[in-house]
Protein backbone atom coordinates (compact mmCIF):
# COMPACT_ATOMS: atom_id res chain seq x y z
CA MET A 1 6.95 -5.36 -8.00
CA GLY A 2 8.38 -6.13 -11.41
CA ASP A 3 7.38 -4.38 -14.61
CA ASP A 4 4.90 -1.61 -13.94
CA HIS A 5 2.47 -2.33 -16.77
CA ASN A 6 3.19 -5.96 -17.53
CA ASN A 7 -0.20 -7.53 -16.89
CA ASP A 8 -3.48 -7.87 -18.71
CA VAL A 9 -5.74 -6.58 -15.94
CA PRO A 10 -7.10 -3.12 -16.76
CA PRO A 11 -6.29 -0.48 -14.13
CA ASP A 12 -9.99 0.28 -13.63
CA ALA A 13 -10.63 -3.38 -12.77
CA VAL A 14 -7.81 -3.27 -10.21
CA ARG A 15 -9.22 -0.05 -8.72
CA GLU A 16 -12.69 -1.61 -8.52
CA GLN A 17 -11.31 -4.67 -6.74
CA LEU A 18 -9.43 -2.38 -4.34
CA ARG A 19 -12.70 -0.55 -3.59
CA ARG A 20 -14.43 -3.88 -2.91
CA ILE A 21 -11.64 -4.91 -0.54
CA LEU A 22 -11.64 -1.57 1.28
CA ASP A 23 -15.46 -1.64 1.59
CA SER A 24 -15.60 -5.26 2.72
CA PRO A 25 -16.70 -5.75 6.33
CA GLY A 26 -14.24 -8.67 6.47
CA PHE A 27 -11.26 -6.43 5.73
CA ASP A 28 -10.23 -5.56 9.26
CA ALA A 29 -7.68 -2.77 8.81
CA SER A 30 -7.21 0.67 10.30
CA GLU A 31 -7.92 3.75 8.21
CA ARG A 32 -4.17 4.36 8.07
CA ASN A 33 -3.55 0.88 6.67
CA ARG A 34 -6.39 1.28 4.19
CA ASN A 35 -4.59 4.41 2.97
CA PHE A 36 -1.32 2.45 2.85
CA LEU A 37 -2.86 -0.25 0.64
CA ALA A 38 -4.55 2.29 -1.63
CA TYR A 39 -1.30 4.24 -1.97
CA VAL A 40 0.74 1.18 -2.95
CA VAL A 41 -1.86 0.00 -5.47
CA GLU A 42 -2.21 3.45 -7.04
CA GLU A 43 1.55 3.96 -7.30
CA ALA A 44 1.88 0.60 -9.06
CA LEU A 45 -1.00 1.38 -11.44
CA GLU A 46 0.55 4.73 -12.31
CA GLY A 47 3.87 3.09 -13.17
CA ARG A 48 5.65 4.35 -10.09
CA SER A 49 6.25 1.09 -8.25
CA ALA A 50 9.97 1.94 -8.04
CA ARG A 51 8.93 4.74 -5.66
CA VAL A 52 7.20 2.31 -3.30
CA LYS A 53 9.92 2.20 -0.67
CA ALA A 54 9.75 2.29 3.11
CA TYR A 55 10.91 5.91 3.19
CA THR A 56 8.29 7.15 0.73
CA ILE A 57 5.49 5.20 2.42
CA ALA A 58 6.55 6.48 5.84
CA THR A 59 6.69 10.11 4.78
CA THR A 60 3.63 10.03 2.50
CA VAL A 61 1.21 7.69 4.29
CA PHE A 62 2.40 7.74 7.89
CA ARG A 63 3.47 11.41 7.88
CA ARG A 64 6.94 10.75 9.23
CA ASP A 65 9.32 13.66 8.73
CA ALA A 66 12.26 13.75 6.32
CA SER A 67 14.60 12.31 8.94
CA PHE A 68 12.75 8.95 8.85
CA ASP A 69 15.17 6.02 8.99
CA PRO A 70 13.67 2.57 8.28
CA GLN A 71 16.51 0.97 10.24
CA LEU A 72 15.37 2.78 13.40
CA ASP A 73 11.60 2.96 12.81
CA SER A 74 9.92 -0.24 11.63
CA ILE A 75 6.44 1.26 11.14
CA VAL A 76 6.21 0.38 7.44
CA ARG A 77 7.30 -3.23 7.93
CA ILE A 78 4.96 -3.74 10.89
CA GLU A 79 1.96 -2.18 9.16
CA ALA A 80 2.64 -4.10 5.92
CA GLY A 81 2.44 -7.31 7.97
CA ARG A 82 -0.88 -6.20 9.42
CA ILE A 83 -2.25 -5.47 5.95
CA ARG A 84 -1.15 -8.90 4.70
CA ARG A 85 -2.94 -10.57 7.63
CA SER A 86 -6.08 -8.49 7.00
CA LEU A 87 -6.05 -9.46 3.33
CA GLU A 88 -5.66 -13.14 4.20
CA HIS A 89 -8.86 -12.99 6.24
């Protein structure tokens, strides 16, 4: 994700755009994936993009237990692909 605060867009503007996306009837995503997107955006805005890893997403958003192994469970990768497709539409 690069530098955490290296852009000129105010965090409130990013949060407002996120709200518009999440509220848009055209954004066809499950509640779980809406939470995933919101989590990733908020972590980046708070300067914690280094924490945005498959393990943290799986345990925080998808409620996997501490034994989660991204090599064995591809939930984060699969759901990230679904979010990207939803955003493209």
